Amino acid sequence: MNKQLHRAYITTLVLIVVVATAYLAYFGYGYYSTPLEERFYHPQHKWFKPSGLFGQGLGVIGTLLILIGVVLYIARKRYNFMARVIRLKYLLEFHIFLCTLGPILILFHTAFKFGGIVSVAFWSMVAVVASGVAGRFIYNQIPRTIEGRALSLSELQGMKTDLAVILHQQFNLESNTIDIVTNLIDAENDTDTKKKYGYLKKILGRGDLPRHHRKEILGIVRKELTLSRRIARLQRMQQLFKYWHVAHMPFALIMLIVVIIHIGVTVTMGYKWIF
């Protein structure tokens, strides 16, 4: 999937969520804006109430969307399900889409009335969605291959070269110039990196190096700087990912348990949808 198709894919998913939310808000505004104590007398109360055909339908569909999104993503990530058909990063985006649209439908299913065990499920769901958004940001920061697989620290470090040797043997640079280059690489997080990079360009320009050699050296330096930043970012993001699981997984389990209890109670009390 090229960049244009990927943007179109993301835009389509976002538009579906926005349009669905706007439609539900517009369609049920008269009922949802009615005070709770007066909703019983609303002409569409039987339709929009959580146990009504429309209200309960939103809950059923929203729950199914969440389950599909979770099961598909776990099956792909842990068991390589459909590994040849779709890349993990695209399925993650679809997972986020389903697990965003699903909770929105469930929100309208509750008719914005929270209480008891439902409130526990709802706020757990909010925490799951919020932590999922944060997780998506962290996921984007982890260096990956073109197939979407996360690169390991050893893989990134293996991409680095012995820069000093290359600069000496291939370009015959003086030792002080090589020191400037290696110091620049070691200071990838330094606020003066840009200044040092500019200083390096001036140093190379003062020598007798051909122009195409200067460009080649600067290209090598840029590549090494990029690798150094990716290594540093990988280490930070891997640490953050550990903390992220502490927040995301427990809330997801709480939500799942409460939803199962809620469905069990609903079925036991005789509330059925279209079946």
Foldseek 3Di string as FASTA:
>chain_A
DDPVVVVVLLVVLVVVLVVVLVVLCVVCVVQLVDDPVCNVVDPCSQCQALLHQPLVVLLVQLVVLLVVLVVVLCCCPPVVVCVVPDFNLSSLSSSLSSLSSSLSSNCSSNSVDDDDLRVLLNVLSVLQNVLSVVVNVLLVLFDDDPSSHGDDLVRLVVPDDPLLVCCCVVVVDDPVLSVLLVVLLVVLVPPCSVVSLVVSLVVVVVDPGDPVVSVVSSVSSVVSSVSSVNSVSNVVSVVVVVVSCVRNVVSVVSSVVSVVVVVVVCVVVPRDHPD
